[in-house]
Amino acid sequence: MSTREYIKKICNHTGIYFTVATLLLILFYIIVNNDLTRGIHPGSQALLLPFSFLLATANIFFRYGTFKTWLRVTQHYALTIIGTFCCLYLPNRAGGTTASQGFGFFFAMTLIYAIVMGIILGVHARIHRVTRDEAHYKSVYKQNEDNKKITKSSKNNKKDKDDYQSVFKKK
């Protein structure tokens, strides 16, 4: 994939994430706030754009990256947590917030990230394993013109046994 395609995907995803995050912020504001005469702080909404950009960049690099999985997960974790902490938590924290509360937020975000990423990687590994097993499937039976199943000829019995056993070896 070219750099232009990466930038296009990142910009598209940034717009989508910004729209969804803004709608969620408005919904949250309507649910929590009793006084609807005041609006959402413009600074809070403006910081959703860099957060959306960091999240889109992290997701595109994670999905289309050519690095090993552990490196893509580390990169995704760093961009996601930095975006959440710097763009959402720090500017919007209350006046009397202590450093230990910030660390608690950081720890909670890391725990949530680990659970969600563990589920995503587990599902991804399962899908990859199933598609790999189906790709290496070799039919044990042949079909003749009458669509009747007949057994394979046993001329290459040793080769057939090796092919059958090689399906279950890790690759």
N, C-alpha and C. Protein backbone atom coordinates (compact mmCIF):
# COMPACT_ATOMS: atom_id res chain seq x y z
N MET A 1 0.84 -1.16 0.00
CA MET A 1 0.00 0.00 0.00
C MET A 1 0.89 1.23 0.00
N SER A 2 0.53 2.20 -0.82
CA SER A 2 1.34 3.40 -0.94
C SER A 2 1.05 4.36 0.21
N THR A 3 1.92 5.34 0.33
CA THR A 3 1.77 6.35 1.38
C THR A 3 0.48 7.14 1.19
N ARG A 4 0.16 7.42 -0.06
CA ARG A 4 -1.06 8.17 -0.36
C ARG A 4 -2.31 7.40 0.12
N GLU A 5 -2.32 6.10 -0.09
CA GLU A 5 -3.46 5.29 0.36
C GLU A 5 -3.54 5.24 1.88
N TYR A 6 -2.37 5.17 2.55
CA TYR A 6 -2.36 5.21 4.01
C TYR A 6 -2.95 6.53 4.52
N ILE A 7 -2.52 7.64 3.93
CA ILE A 7 -3.00 8.95 4.37
C ILE A 7 -4.50 9.08 4.12
N LYS A 8 -4.96 8.57 2.98
CA LYS A 8 -6.39 8.63 2.67
C LYS A 8 -7.20 7.82 3.68
N LYS A 9 -6.72 6.62 4.01
CA LYS A 9 -7.42 5.79 5.00
C LYS A 9 -7.42 6.45 6.37
N ILE A 10 -6.30 7.01 6.76
CA ILE A 10 -6.21 7.67 8.06
C ILE A 10 -7.16 8.86 8.13
N CYS A 11 -7.22 9.67 7.06
CA CYS A 11 -8.12 10.83 7.05
C CYS A 11 -9.58 10.39 7.09
N ASN A 12 -9.93 9.36 6.34
CA ASN A 12 -11.31 8.87 6.36
C ASN A 12 -11.70 8.35 7.74
N HIS A 13 -10.82 7.57 8.34
CA HIS A 13 -11.11 7.02 9.66
C HIS A 13 -11.13 8.12 10.72
N THR A 14 -10.27 9.13 10.57
CA THR A 14 -10.28 10.25 11.52
C THR A 14 -11.63 10.96 11.49
N GLY A 15 -12.15 11.21 10.31
CA GLY A 15 -13.46 11.85 10.19
C GLY A 15 -14.57 11.03 10.81
N ILE A 16 -14.53 9.72 10.58
CA ILE A 16 -15.55 8.84 11.15
C ILE A 16 -15.46 8.80 12.67
N TYR A 17 -14.24 8.63 13.20
CA TYR A 17 -14.07 8.58 14.65
C TYR A 17 -14.45 9.91 15.30
N PHE A 18 -14.11 11.02 14.65
CA PHE A 18 -14.45 12.34 15.20
C PHE A 18 -15.96 12.51 15.26
N THR A 19 -16.66 12.11 14.21
CA THR A 19 -18.11 12.22 14.19
C THR A 19 -18.75 11.37 15.27
N VAL A 20 -18.32 10.12 15.38
CA VAL A 20 -18.88 9.22 16.39
C VAL A 20 -18.56 9.72 17.80
N ALA A 21 -17.32 10.16 18.02
CA ALA A 21 -16.94 10.66 19.35
C ALA A 21 -17.72 11.92 19.71
N THR A 22 -17.94 12.80 18.75
CA THR A 22 -18.71 14.01 19.01
C THR A 22 -20.16 13.67 19.36
N LEU A 23 -20.75 12.75 18.61
CA LEU A 23 -22.12 12.34 18.91
C LEU A 23 -22.21 11.68 20.29
N LEU A 24 -21.22 10.86 20.64
CA LEU A 24 -21.22 10.25 21.98
C LEU A 24 -21.03 11.29 23.07
N LEU A 25 -20.19 12.29 22.81
CA LEU A 25 -19.99 13.37 23.79
C LEU A 25 -21.29 14.16 23.99
N ILE A 26 -21.99 14.46 22.92
CA ILE A 26 -23.26 15.18 23.03
C ILE A 26 -24.29 14.33 23.78
N LEU A 27 -24.36 13.03 23.44
CA LEU A 27 -25.29 12.14 24.12
C LEU A 27 -24.96 12.05 25.61
N PHE A 28 -23.68 11.91 25.94
CA PHE A 28 -23.25 11.86 27.33
C PHE A 28 -23.61 13.16 28.05
N TYR A 29 -23.42 14.29 27.39
CA TYR A 29 -23.72 15.59 27.98
C TYR A 29 -25.22 15.72 28.26
N ILE A 30 -26.04 15.24 27.32
CA ILE A 30 -27.49 15.32 27.51
C ILE A 30 -27.94 14.44 28.67
N ILE A 31 -27.34 13.25 28.78
CA ILE A 31 -27.74 12.32 29.84
C ILE A 31 -27.29 12.81 31.22
N VAL A 32 -26.07 13.30 31.32
CA VAL A 32 -25.50 13.67 32.62
C VAL A 32 -25.95 15.04 33.08
N ASN A 33 -26.02 16.01 32.21
CA ASN A 33 -26.26 17.40 32.60
C ASN A 33 -27.77 17.67 32.70
N ASN A 34 -28.16 18.29 33.79
CA ASN A 34 -29.56 18.66 33.97
C ASN A 34 -29.86 20.02 33.33
N ASP A 35 -28.88 20.90 33.29
CA ASP A 35 -29.05 22.25 32.76
C ASP A 35 -28.55 22.25 31.31
N LEU A 36 -29.46 22.29 30.37
CA LEU A 36 -29.08 22.24 28.95
C LEU A 36 -28.88 23.61 28.35
N THR A 37 -28.88 24.67 29.17
CA THR A 37 -28.65 26.01 28.64
C THR A 37 -27.19 26.22 28.30
N ARG A 38 -26.29 25.53 28.97
CA ARG A 38 -24.86 25.62 28.65
C ARG A 38 -24.52 24.52 27.64
N GLY A 39 -23.53 24.76 26.86
CA GLY A 39 -23.13 23.78 25.85
C GLY A 39 -21.86 23.05 26.25
N ILE A 40 -21.38 22.24 25.35
CA ILE A 40 -20.13 21.51 25.56
C ILE A 40 -18.98 22.49 25.39
N HIS A 41 -17.99 22.36 26.23
CA HIS A 41 -16.83 23.24 26.15
C HIS A 41 -16.14 23.06 24.80
N PRO A 42 -15.90 24.14 24.07
CA PRO A 42 -15.30 24.02 22.73
C PRO A 42 -13.91 23.38 22.74
N GLY A 43 -13.16 23.62 23.81
CA GLY A 43 -11.83 23.00 23.91
C GLY A 43 -11.91 21.49 23.99
N SER A 44 -12.90 21.00 24.72
CA SER A 44 -13.08 19.55 24.83
C SER A 44 -13.43 18.93 23.49
N GLN A 45 -14.29 19.61 22.76
CA GLN A 45 -14.67 19.08 21.45
C GLN A 45 -13.53 19.21 20.45
N ALA A 46 -12.76 20.28 20.54
CA ALA A 46 -11.65 20.47 19.61
C ALA A 46 -10.57 19.40 19.81
N LEU A 47 -10.39 18.95 21.06
CA LEU A 47 -9.38 17.93 21.32
C LEU A 47 -9.81 16.53 20.87
N LEU A 48 -11.06 16.38 20.47
CA LEU A 48 -11.48 15.10 19.91
C LEU A 48 -10.83 14.84 18.55
N LEU A 49 -10.49 15.92 17.83
CA LEU A 49 -9.87 15.74 16.51
C LEU A 49 -8.47 15.11 16.60
N PRO A 50 -7.55 15.62 17.44
CA PRO A 50 -6.26 14.92 17.53
C PRO A 50 -6.39 13.52 18.13
N PHE A 51 -7.35 13.34 19.05
CA PHE A 51 -7.59 12.00 19.59
C PHE A 51 -8.05 11.07 18.47
N SER A 52 -8.96 11.54 17.64
CA SER A 52 -9.45 10.72 16.52
C SER A 52 -8.33 10.41 15.53
N PHE A 53 -7.45 11.39 15.30
CA PHE A 53 -6.32 11.17 14.40
C PHE A 53 -5.38 10.10 14.96
N LEU A 54 -5.05 10.19 16.24
CA LEU A 54 -4.16 9.19 16.85
C LEU A 54 -4.80 7.80 16.84
N LEU A 55 -6.09 7.73 17.12
CA LEU A 55 -6.78 6.45 17.12
C LEU A 55 -6.85 5.86 15.71
N ALA A 56 -7.13 6.69 14.72
CA ALA A 56 -7.18 6.22 13.33
C ALA A 56 -5.80 5.75 12.87
N THR A 57 -4.77 6.50 13.22
CA THR A 57 -3.41 6.10 12.86
C THR A 57 -3.05 4.77 13.51
N ALA A 58 -3.39 4.62 14.78
CA ALA A 58 -3.10 3.37 15.49
C ALA A 58 -3.83 2.20 14.84
N ASN A 59 -5.10 2.38 14.50
CA ASN A 59 -5.86 1.29 13.91
C ASN A 59 -5.38 0.93 12.51
N ILE A 60 -5.02 1.93 11.70
CA ILE A 60 -4.53 1.65 10.34
C ILE A 60 -3.18 0.95 10.42
N PHE A 61 -2.29 1.40 11.28
CA PHE A 61 -1.00 0.73 11.42
C PHE A 61 -1.16 -0.68 11.96
N PHE A 62 -2.11 -0.87 12.86
CA PHE A 62 -2.33 -2.21 13.40
C PHE A 62 -2.89 -3.15 12.34
N ARG A 63 -3.82 -2.65 11.55
CA ARG A 63 -4.48 -3.51 10.56
C ARG A 63 -3.61 -3.78 9.34
N TYR A 64 -2.94 -2.77 8.82
CA TYR A 64 -2.20 -2.92 7.57
C TYR A 64 -0.70 -2.97 7.76
N GLY A 65 -0.22 -2.96 8.99
CA GLY A 65 1.21 -2.98 9.25
C GLY A 65 1.86 -4.29 8.83
N THR A 66 3.13 -4.20 8.49
CA THR A 66 3.86 -5.39 8.07
C THR A 66 4.81 -5.88 9.16
N PHE A 67 4.77 -5.24 10.32
CA PHE A 67 5.63 -5.66 11.43
C PHE A 67 5.05 -6.92 12.08
N LYS A 68 5.83 -7.48 12.98
CA LYS A 68 5.33 -8.61 13.75
C LYS A 68 4.18 -8.14 14.65
N THR A 69 3.36 -9.09 15.06
CA THR A 69 2.15 -8.77 15.81
C THR A 69 2.46 -8.04 17.12
N TRP A 70 3.46 -8.50 17.85
CA TRP A 70 3.74 -7.88 19.14
C TRP A 70 4.17 -6.42 18.96
N LEU A 71 4.86 -6.11 17.87
CA LEU A 71 5.29 -4.74 17.63
C LEU A 71 4.10 -3.86 17.21
N ARG A 72 3.19 -4.41 16.41
CA ARG A 72 1.99 -3.67 16.03
C ARG A 72 1.10 -3.41 17.24
N VAL A 73 0.99 -4.40 18.14
CA VAL A 73 0.18 -4.21 19.36
C VAL A 73 0.81 -3.15 20.25
N THR A 74 2.12 -3.17 20.40
CA THR A 74 2.81 -2.17 21.21
C THR A 74 2.61 -0.77 20.64
N GLN A 75 2.74 -0.65 19.34
CA GLN A 75 2.55 0.64 18.68
C GLN A 75 1.09 1.11 18.84
N HIS A 76 0.16 0.21 18.67
CA HIS A 76 -1.27 0.55 18.82
C HIS A 76 -1.57 0.96 20.26
N TYR A 77 -1.00 0.24 21.22
CA TYR A 77 -1.19 0.57 22.63
C TYR A 77 -0.66 1.97 22.93
N ALA A 78 0.55 2.26 22.47
CA ALA A 78 1.16 3.55 22.76
C ALA A 78 0.34 4.70 22.17
N LEU A 79 -0.06 4.58 20.92
CA LEU A 79 -0.83 5.66 20.29
C LEU A 79 -2.21 5.82 20.94
N THR A 80 -2.85 4.71 21.27
CA THR A 80 -4.19 4.78 21.86
C THR A 80 -4.15 5.38 23.27
N ILE A 81 -3.23 4.92 24.09
CA ILE A 81 -3.15 5.41 25.47
C ILE A 81 -2.67 6.86 25.50
N ILE A 82 -1.71 7.21 24.66
CA ILE A 82 -1.24 8.60 24.60
C ILE A 82 -2.38 9.51 24.16
N GLY A 83 -3.12 9.09 23.14
CA GLY A 83 -4.25 9.90 22.68
C GLY A 83 -5.31 10.05 23.73
N THR A 84 -5.65 8.98 24.42
CA THR A 84 -6.67 9.04 25.45
C THR A 84 -6.22 9.91 26.63
N PHE A 85 -4.99 9.70 27.06
CA PHE A 85 -4.50 10.41 28.24
C PHE A 85 -4.26 11.89 27.94
N CYS A 86 -3.58 12.19 26.84
CA CYS A 86 -3.22 13.58 26.56
C CYS A 86 -4.36 14.42 25.98
N CYS A 87 -5.21 13.81 25.18
CA CYS A 87 -6.27 14.58 24.51
C CYS A 87 -7.61 14.55 25.24
N LEU A 88 -7.85 13.53 26.03
CA LEU A 88 -9.14 13.44 26.71
C LEU A 88 -9.04 13.65 28.21
N TYR A 89 -8.09 12.98 28.86
CA TYR A 89 -8.05 13.04 30.32
C TYR A 89 -7.42 14.34 30.84
N LEU A 90 -6.20 14.65 30.42
CA LEU A 90 -5.49 15.80 30.99
C LEU A 90 -6.22 17.13 30.81
N PRO A 91 -6.73 17.45 29.64
CA PRO A 91 -7.42 18.75 29.51
C PRO A 91 -8.76 18.82 30.24
N ASN A 92 -9.40 17.69 30.48
CA ASN A 92 -10.75 17.69 31.05
C ASN A 92 -10.81 17.29 32.52
N ARG A 93 -9.68 17.12 33.15
CA ARG A 93 -9.71 16.69 34.55
C ARG A 93 -10.18 17.83 35.45
N ALA A 94 -10.66 17.43 36.58
CA ALA A 94 -11.16 18.42 37.55
C ALA A 94 -10.00 19.15 38.21
N GLY A 95 -10.29 20.27 38.85
CA GLY A 95 -9.25 21.10 39.44
C GLY A 95 -8.47 20.44 40.56
N GLY A 96 -9.11 19.63 41.40
CA GLY A 96 -8.43 19.04 42.54
C GLY A 96 -7.92 17.63 42.27
N THR A 97 -7.68 17.29 41.03
CA THR A 97 -7.24 15.94 40.69
C THR A 97 -5.78 15.74 41.09
N THR A 98 -5.48 14.61 41.72
CA THR A 98 -4.12 14.31 42.14
C THR A 98 -3.44 13.41 41.11
N ALA A 99 -2.15 13.27 41.27
CA ALA A 99 -1.38 12.42 40.36
C ALA A 99 -1.76 10.95 40.51
N SER A 100 -2.11 10.53 41.70
CA SER A 100 -2.50 9.13 41.89
C SER A 100 -3.81 8.82 41.16
N GLN A 101 -4.71 9.79 41.06
CA GLN A 101 -5.92 9.59 40.28
C GLN A 101 -5.60 9.46 38.79
N GLY A 102 -4.65 10.24 38.33
CA GLY A 102 -4.19 10.12 36.94
C GLY A 102 -3.56 8.77 36.68
N PHE A 103 -2.76 8.30 37.65
CA PHE A 103 -2.17 6.96 37.50
C PHE A 103 -3.25 5.88 37.52
N GLY A 104 -4.27 6.07 38.36
CA GLY A 104 -5.39 5.12 38.39
C GLY A 104 -6.11 5.08 37.06
N PHE A 105 -6.32 6.25 36.44
CA PHE A 105 -6.95 6.30 35.11
C PHE A 105 -6.07 5.59 34.09
N PHE A 106 -4.77 5.86 34.14
CA PHE A 106 -3.83 5.23 33.21
C PHE A 106 -3.85 3.71 33.38
N PHE A 107 -3.86 3.24 34.63
CA PHE A 107 -3.88 1.80 34.90
C PHE A 107 -5.19 1.17 34.43
N ALA A 108 -6.31 1.86 34.67
CA ALA A 108 -7.62 1.35 34.23
C ALA A 108 -7.67 1.27 32.70
N MET A 109 -7.16 2.28 32.02
CA MET A 109 -7.15 2.26 30.55
C MET A 109 -6.26 1.13 30.03
N THR A 110 -5.13 0.90 30.70
CA THR A 110 -4.26 -0.20 30.29
C THR A 110 -4.94 -1.54 30.50
N LEU A 111 -5.64 -1.70 31.60
CA LEU A 111 -6.35 -2.95 31.86
C LEU A 111 -7.46 -3.18 30.84
N ILE A 112 -8.25 -2.15 30.56
CA ILE A 112 -9.31 -2.27 29.55
C ILE A 112 -8.71 -2.58 28.19
N TYR A 113 -7.61 -1.91 27.85
CA TYR A 113 -6.95 -2.15 26.57
C TYR A 113 -6.47 -3.60 26.48
N ALA A 114 -5.87 -4.11 27.55
CA ALA A 114 -5.35 -5.48 27.54
C ALA A 114 -6.48 -6.50 27.35
N ILE A 115 -7.61 -6.27 27.99
CA ILE A 115 -8.74 -7.20 27.86
C ILE A 115 -9.29 -7.17 26.44
N VAL A 116 -9.52 -5.98 25.92
CA VAL A 116 -10.08 -5.86 24.56
C VAL A 116 -9.10 -6.40 23.52
N MET A 117 -7.82 -6.05 23.64
CA MET A 117 -6.84 -6.53 22.66
C MET A 117 -6.64 -8.03 22.78
N GLY A 118 -6.74 -8.58 23.98
CA GLY A 118 -6.66 -10.04 24.13
C GLY A 118 -7.78 -10.74 23.40
N ILE A 119 -8.99 -10.19 23.51
CA ILE A 119 -10.14 -10.78 22.80
C ILE A 119 -9.94 -10.65 21.29
N ILE A 120 -9.51 -9.49 20.83
CA ILE A 120 -9.31 -9.27 19.38
C ILE A 120 -8.24 -10.21 18.85
N LEU A 121 -7.12 -10.34 19.55
CA LEU A 121 -6.06 -11.23 19.08
C LEU A 121 -6.48 -12.69 19.14
N GLY A 122 -7.26 -13.07 20.14
CA GLY A 122 -7.76 -14.44 20.22
C GLY A 122 -8.67 -14.78 19.05
N VAL A 123 -9.59 -13.89 18.73
CA VAL A 123 -10.49 -14.11 17.60
C VAL A 123 -9.70 -14.12 16.29
N HIS A 124 -8.75 -13.20 16.17
CA HIS A 124 -7.93 -13.15 14.96
C HIS A 124 -7.12 -14.43 14.78
N ALA A 125 -6.54 -14.94 15.86
CA ALA A 125 -5.76 -16.18 15.78
C ALA A 125 -6.65 -17.36 15.40
N ARG A 126 -7.84 -17.39 15.96
CA ARG A 126 -8.78 -18.49 15.64
C ARG A 126 -9.19 -18.45 14.17
N ILE A 127 -9.51 -17.28 13.66
CA ILE A 127 -9.88 -17.14 12.25
C ILE A 127 -8.71 -17.52 11.36
N HIS A 128 -7.52 -17.07 11.71
CA HIS A 128 -6.33 -17.39 10.92
C HIS A 128 -6.06 -18.89 10.93
N ARG A 129 -6.23 -19.54 12.08
CA ARG A 129 -5.98 -20.97 12.18
C ARG A 129 -6.99 -21.76 11.34
N VAL A 130 -8.25 -21.36 11.38
CA VAL A 130 -9.29 -22.07 10.61
C VAL A 130 -9.05 -21.91 9.12
N THR A 131 -8.74 -20.70 8.68
CA THR A 131 -8.50 -20.51 7.24
C THR A 131 -7.23 -21.21 6.80
N ARG A 132 -6.22 -21.29 7.66
CA ARG A 132 -5.00 -22.01 7.31
C ARG A 132 -5.29 -23.50 7.19
N ASP A 133 -6.08 -24.06 8.11
CA ASP A 133 -6.40 -25.48 8.06
C ASP A 133 -7.21 -25.82 6.82
N GLU A 134 -8.14 -24.95 6.44
CA GLU A 134 -8.95 -25.20 5.25
C GLU A 134 -8.12 -25.07 3.98
N ALA A 135 -7.12 -24.20 3.98
CA ALA A 135 -6.31 -24.00 2.79
C ALA A 135 -5.42 -25.21 2.51
N HIS A 136 -5.04 -25.95 3.55
CA HIS A 136 -4.16 -27.10 3.37
C HIS A 136 -4.92 -28.41 3.28
N TYR A 137 -6.22 -28.36 3.15
CA TYR A 137 -7.03 -29.57 3.09
C TYR A 137 -6.83 -30.24 1.74
N LYS A 138 -6.60 -31.55 1.78
CA LYS A 138 -6.49 -32.35 0.57
C LYS A 138 -7.52 -33.46 0.68
N SER A 139 -8.27 -33.63 -0.38
CA SER A 139 -9.33 -34.62 -0.39
C SER A 139 -8.74 -36.02 -0.31
N VAL A 140 -9.33 -36.87 0.50
CA VAL A 140 -8.88 -38.25 0.64
C VAL A 140 -9.52 -39.10 -0.46
N TYR A 141 -10.64 -38.66 -0.95
CA TYR A 141 -11.37 -39.41 -1.97
C TYR A 141 -11.42 -38.62 -3.27
N LYS A 142 -11.45 -39.33 -4.37
CA LYS A 142 -11.63 -38.72 -5.67
C LYS A 142 -13.06 -38.98 -6.12
N GLN A 143 -13.51 -38.24 -7.09
CA GLN A 143 -14.82 -38.50 -7.66
C GLN A 143 -14.64 -38.82 -9.14
N ASN A 144 -15.35 -39.86 -9.60
CA ASN A 144 -15.28 -40.20 -11.02
C ASN A 144 -16.37 -39.45 -11.77
N GLU A 145 -16.56 -39.75 -13.03
CA GLU A 145 -17.53 -39.04 -13.85
C GLU A 145 -18.96 -39.22 -13.34
N ASP A 146 -19.27 -40.34 -12.70
CA ASP A 146 -20.62 -40.61 -12.22
C ASP A 146 -20.87 -40.00 -10.84
N ASN A 147 -19.94 -39.18 -10.35
CA ASN A 147 -20.01 -38.56 -9.03
C ASN A 147 -20.09 -39.59 -7.91
N LYS A 148 -19.50 -40.74 -8.14
CA LYS A 148 -19.39 -41.74 -7.08
C LYS A 148 -18.01 -41.63 -6.48
N LYS A 149 -17.96 -41.73 -5.16
CA LYS A 149 -16.67 -41.62 -4.49
C LYS A 149 -15.92 -42.93 -4.61
N ILE A 150 -14.68 -42.83 -4.99
CA ILE A 150 -13.81 -44.00 -5.02
C ILE A 150 -12.56 -43.66 -4.23
N THR A 151 -11.94 -44.66 -3.72
CA THR A 151 -10.75 -44.41 -2.91
C THR A 151 -9.58 -44.11 -3.80
N LYS A 152 -8.60 -43.47 -3.23
CA LYS A 152 -7.41 -43.11 -3.98
C LYS A 152 -6.61 -44.36 -4.30
N SER A 153 -5.86 -44.25 -5.33
CA SER A 153 -4.98 -45.37 -5.65
C SER A 153 -3.84 -45.38 -4.64
N SER A 154 -3.37 -46.55 -4.33
CA SER A 154 -2.35 -46.65 -3.29
C SER A 154 -0.95 -46.78 -3.88
N LYS A 155 -0.75 -46.26 -5.10
CA LYS A 155 0.58 -46.32 -5.70
C LYS A 155 1.57 -45.46 -4.93
N ASN A 156 1.13 -44.29 -4.52
CA ASN A 156 2.01 -43.37 -3.79
C ASN A 156 1.60 -43.33 -2.32
N ASN A 157 1.46 -44.47 -1.70
CA ASN A 157 0.96 -44.54 -0.33
C ASN A 157 1.86 -43.78 0.64
N LYS A 158 3.18 -43.90 0.51
CA LYS A 158 4.09 -43.19 1.41
C LYS A 158 3.98 -41.68 1.21
N LYS A 159 3.90 -41.23 -0.04
CA LYS A 159 3.76 -39.81 -0.32
C LYS A 159 2.43 -39.29 0.22
N ASP A 160 1.34 -40.04 0.05
CA ASP A 160 0.03 -39.64 0.55
C ASP A 160 0.03 -39.53 2.07
N LYS A 161 0.70 -40.47 2.74
CA LYS A 161 0.75 -40.44 4.19
C LYS A 161 1.52 -39.20 4.66
N ASP A 162 2.61 -38.88 3.94
CA ASP A 162 3.38 -37.70 4.31
C ASP A 162 2.56 -36.42 4.09
N ASP A 163 1.80 -36.36 2.99
CA ASP A 163 0.97 -35.19 2.75
C ASP A 163 -0.10 -35.04 3.82
N TYR A 164 -0.68 -36.15 4.22
CA TYR A 164 -1.73 -36.12 5.24
C TYR A 164 -1.16 -35.62 6.57
N GLN A 165 0.02 -36.09 6.92
CA GLN A 165 0.61 -35.72 8.20
C GLN A 165 1.15 -34.30 8.17
N SER A 166 1.54 -33.80 7.00
CA SER A 166 2.08 -32.45 6.93
C SER A 166 1.02 -31.39 7.15
N VAL A 167 -0.25 -31.75 7.02
CA VAL A 167 -1.32 -30.79 7.25
C VAL A 167 -1.35 -30.35 8.71
N PHE A 168 -1.00 -31.26 9.62
CA PHE A 168 -1.10 -30.96 11.03
C PHE A 168 0.18 -30.37 11.62
N LYS A 169 1.22 -30.26 10.82
CA LYS A 169 2.45 -29.64 11.33
C LYS A 169 2.28 -28.13 11.35
N LYS A 170 2.89 -27.48 12.33
CA LYS A 170 2.86 -26.03 12.42
C LYS A 170 3.70 -25.44 11.31
N LYS A 171 3.22 -24.36 10.78
CA LYS A 171 3.99 -23.70 9.71
C LYS A 171 4.28 -22.29 10.12
